[in-house]
């Protein structure tokens, strides 16, 4: 028990005598992405028949492609065929 009290007393005097060291924080600038972002996205929301939605989901699952990508490709193809791209 005496050893504990000595250690505790020494710790208190050590804390009183030593000045605390302030950690130095290094600030680094945020890195810019090397890959440029594509065109800014906008929300596109509309109602479609349930059967068509199921077909899109099934096609996406079978071909490992998202519904978003399917929709974008379909709309781009539509505009290309109609001369509005």
C-alpha atoms as a PDB file:
ATOM      1  CA  UNK A   1       0.000   0.000   0.000  1.00  0.00           C
ATOM      2  CA  UNK A   2       2.901   2.343   0.721  1.00  0.00           C
ATOM      3  CA  UNK A   3       4.300   1.779  -2.785  1.00  0.00           C
ATOM      4  CA  UNK A   4       0.969   2.780  -4.265  1.00  0.00           C
ATOM      5  CA  UNK A   5       0.908   6.004  -2.240  1.00  0.00           C
ATOM      6  CA  UNK A   6       4.493   6.813  -3.302  1.00  0.00           C
ATOM      7  CA  UNK A   7       3.670   6.237  -6.946  1.00  0.00           C
ATOM      8  CA  UNK A   8       0.520   8.321  -6.655  1.00  0.00           C
ATOM      9  CA  UNK A   9       2.399  11.126  -4.872  1.00  0.00           C
ATOM     10  CA  UNK A  10       5.167  11.085  -7.461  1.00  0.00           C
ATOM     11  CA  UNK A  11       2.594  11.262 -10.234  1.00  0.00           C
ATOM     12  CA  UNK A  12       0.918  14.312  -8.692  1.00  0.00           C
ATOM     13  CA  UNK A  13       4.227  16.164  -8.326  1.00  0.00           C
ATOM     14  CA  UNK A  14       5.237  15.158 -11.848  1.00  0.00           C
ATOM     15  CA  UNK A  15       1.992  16.568 -13.254  1.00  0.00           C
ATOM     16  CA  UNK A  16       2.465  19.821 -11.331  1.00  0.00           C
ATOM     17  CA  UNK A  17       6.087  20.321 -12.436  1.00  0.00           C
ATOM     18  CA  UNK A  18       5.882  19.356 -16.117  1.00  0.00           C
ATOM     19  CA  UNK A  19       4.142  21.564 -18.632  1.00  0.00           C
ATOM     20  CA  UNK A  20       1.694  19.642 -20.779  1.00  0.00           C
ATOM     21  CA  UNK A  21       2.703  19.132 -24.366  1.00  0.00           C
ATOM     22  CA  UNK A  22       0.147  20.428 -26.807  1.00  0.00           C
ATOM     23  CA  UNK A  23      -0.315  18.116 -29.779  1.00  0.00           C
ATOM     24  CA  UNK A  24       0.408  19.757 -33.105  1.00  0.00           C
ATOM     25  CA  UNK A  25      -2.242  19.229 -35.724  1.00  0.00           C
ATOM     26  CA  UNK A  26      -1.148  19.115 -39.319  1.00  0.00           C
ATOM     27  CA  UNK A  27      -3.614  20.635 -41.775  1.00  0.00           C
ATOM     28  CA  UNK A  28      -3.664  19.212 -45.270  1.00  0.00           C
ATOM     29  CA  UNK A  29      -5.735  20.587 -48.162  1.00  0.00           C
ATOM     30  CA  UNK A  30      -8.585  18.522 -49.526  1.00  0.00           C
ATOM     31  CA  UNK A  31      -7.532  16.562 -52.561  1.00  0.00           C
ATOM     32  CA  UNK A  32      -9.322  17.199 -55.822  1.00  0.00           C
ATOM     33  CA  UNK A  33     -10.654  14.089 -57.544  1.00  0.00           C
ATOM     34  CA  UNK A  34      -8.597  13.103 -60.560  1.00  0.00           C
ATOM     35  CA  UNK A  35     -11.685  11.876 -62.405  1.00  0.00           C
ATOM     36  CA  UNK A  36     -13.883  14.776 -63.532  1.00  0.00           C
ATOM     37  CA  UNK A  37     -17.501  14.519 -62.484  1.00  0.00           C
ATOM     38  CA  UNK A  38     -19.996  13.729 -65.193  1.00  0.00           C
ATOM     39  CA  UNK A  39     -22.823  16.044 -66.051  1.00  0.00           C
ATOM     40  CA  UNK A  40     -24.774  17.232 -63.034  1.00  0.00           C
ATOM     41  CA  UNK A  41     -27.731  14.988 -62.278  1.00  0.00           C
ATOM     42  CA  UNK A  42     -31.354  16.027 -61.885  1.00  0.00           C
ATOM     43  CA  UNK A  43     -34.292  14.099 -60.471  1.00  0.00           C
ATOM     44  CA  UNK A  44     -36.557  12.431 -63.057  1.00  0.00           C
ATOM     45  CA  UNK A  45     -39.717  10.933 -61.648  1.00  0.00           C
ATOM     46  CA  UNK A  46     -42.757   9.644 -63.515  1.00  0.00           C
ATOM     47  CA  UNK A  47     -45.288   6.832 -63.447  1.00  0.00           C
ATOM     48  CA  UNK A  48     -44.926   3.762 -65.688  1.00  0.00           C
ATOM     49  CA  UNK A  49     -46.982   0.561 -65.954  1.00  0.00           C
ATOM     50  CA  UNK A  50     -46.143  -2.099 -63.327  1.00  0.00           C
ATOM     51  CA  UNK A  51     -45.475  -4.709 -65.996  1.00  0.00           C
ATOM     52  CA  UNK A  52     -42.873  -2.512 -67.656  1.00  0.00           C
ATOM     53  CA  UNK A  53     -41.263  -1.815 -64.294  1.00  0.00           C
ATOM     54  CA  UNK A  54     -41.009  -5.579 -63.615  1.00  0.00           C
ATOM     55  CA  UNK A  55     -39.447  -6.159 -67.034  1.00  0.00           C
ATOM     56  CA  UNK A  56     -36.879  -3.405 -66.405  1.00  0.00           C
ATOM     57  CA  UNK A  57     -36.012  -4.874 -62.988  1.00  0.00           C
ATOM     58  CA  UNK A  58     -35.671  -8.387 -64.421  1.00  0.00           C
ATOM     59  CA  UNK A  59     -33.534  -7.184 -67.324  1.00  0.00           C
ATOM     60  CA  UNK A  60     -31.306  -5.251 -64.937  1.00  0.00           C
ATOM     61  CA  UNK A  61     -30.863  -8.256 -62.652  1.00  0.00           C
ATOM     62  CA  UNK A  62     -30.044 -10.587 -65.537  1.00  0.00           C
ATOM     63  CA  UNK A  63     -27.593  -8.181 -67.182  1.00  0.00           C
ATOM     64  CA  UNK A  64     -26.133  -6.604 -64.010  1.00  0.00           C
ATOM     65  CA  UNK A  65     -27.242  -3.080 -64.916  1.00  0.00           C
ATOM     66  CA  UNK A  66     -29.142  -0.586 -62.768  1.00  0.00           C
ATOM     67  CA  UNK A  67     -32.623   0.672 -63.523  1.00  0.00           C
ATOM     68  CA  UNK A  68     -31.167   4.167 -63.676  1.00  0.00           C
ATOM     69  CA  UNK A  69     -28.692   3.153 -66.396  1.00  0.00           C
ATOM     70  CA  UNK A  70     -31.409   1.345 -68.351  1.00  0.00           C
ATOM     71  CA  UNK A  71     -33.590   4.464 -68.234  1.00  0.00           C
ATOM     72  CA  UNK A  72     -30.735   6.744 -69.305  1.00  0.00           C
ATOM     73  CA  UNK A  73     -29.818   4.474 -72.216  1.00  0.00           C
ATOM     74  CA  UNK A  74     -33.444   4.202 -73.331  1.00  0.00           C
ATOM     75  CA  UNK A  75     -33.979   7.966 -73.255  1.00  0.00           C
ATOM     76  CA  UNK A  76     -30.703   8.642 -75.086  1.00  0.00           C
ATOM     77  CA  UNK A  77     -31.665   6.095 -77.762  1.00  0.00           C
ATOM     78  CA  UNK A  78     -35.111   7.690 -78.094  1.00  0.00           C
ATOM     79  CA  UNK A  79     -33.641  11.159 -78.578  1.00  0.00           C
ATOM     80  CA  UNK A  80     -31.033   9.833 -81.016  1.00  0.00           C
ATOM     81  CA  UNK A  81     -33.691   8.147 -83.170  1.00  0.00           C
ATOM     82  CA  UNK A  82     -35.850  11.257 -83.155  1.00  0.00           C
ATOM     83  CA  UNK A  83     -32.989  13.631 -84.008  1.00  0.00           C
ATOM     84  CA  UNK A  84     -33.066  15.598 -80.767  1.00  0.00           C
ATOM     85  CA  UNK A  85     -29.707  14.739 -79.260  1.00  0.00           C
END
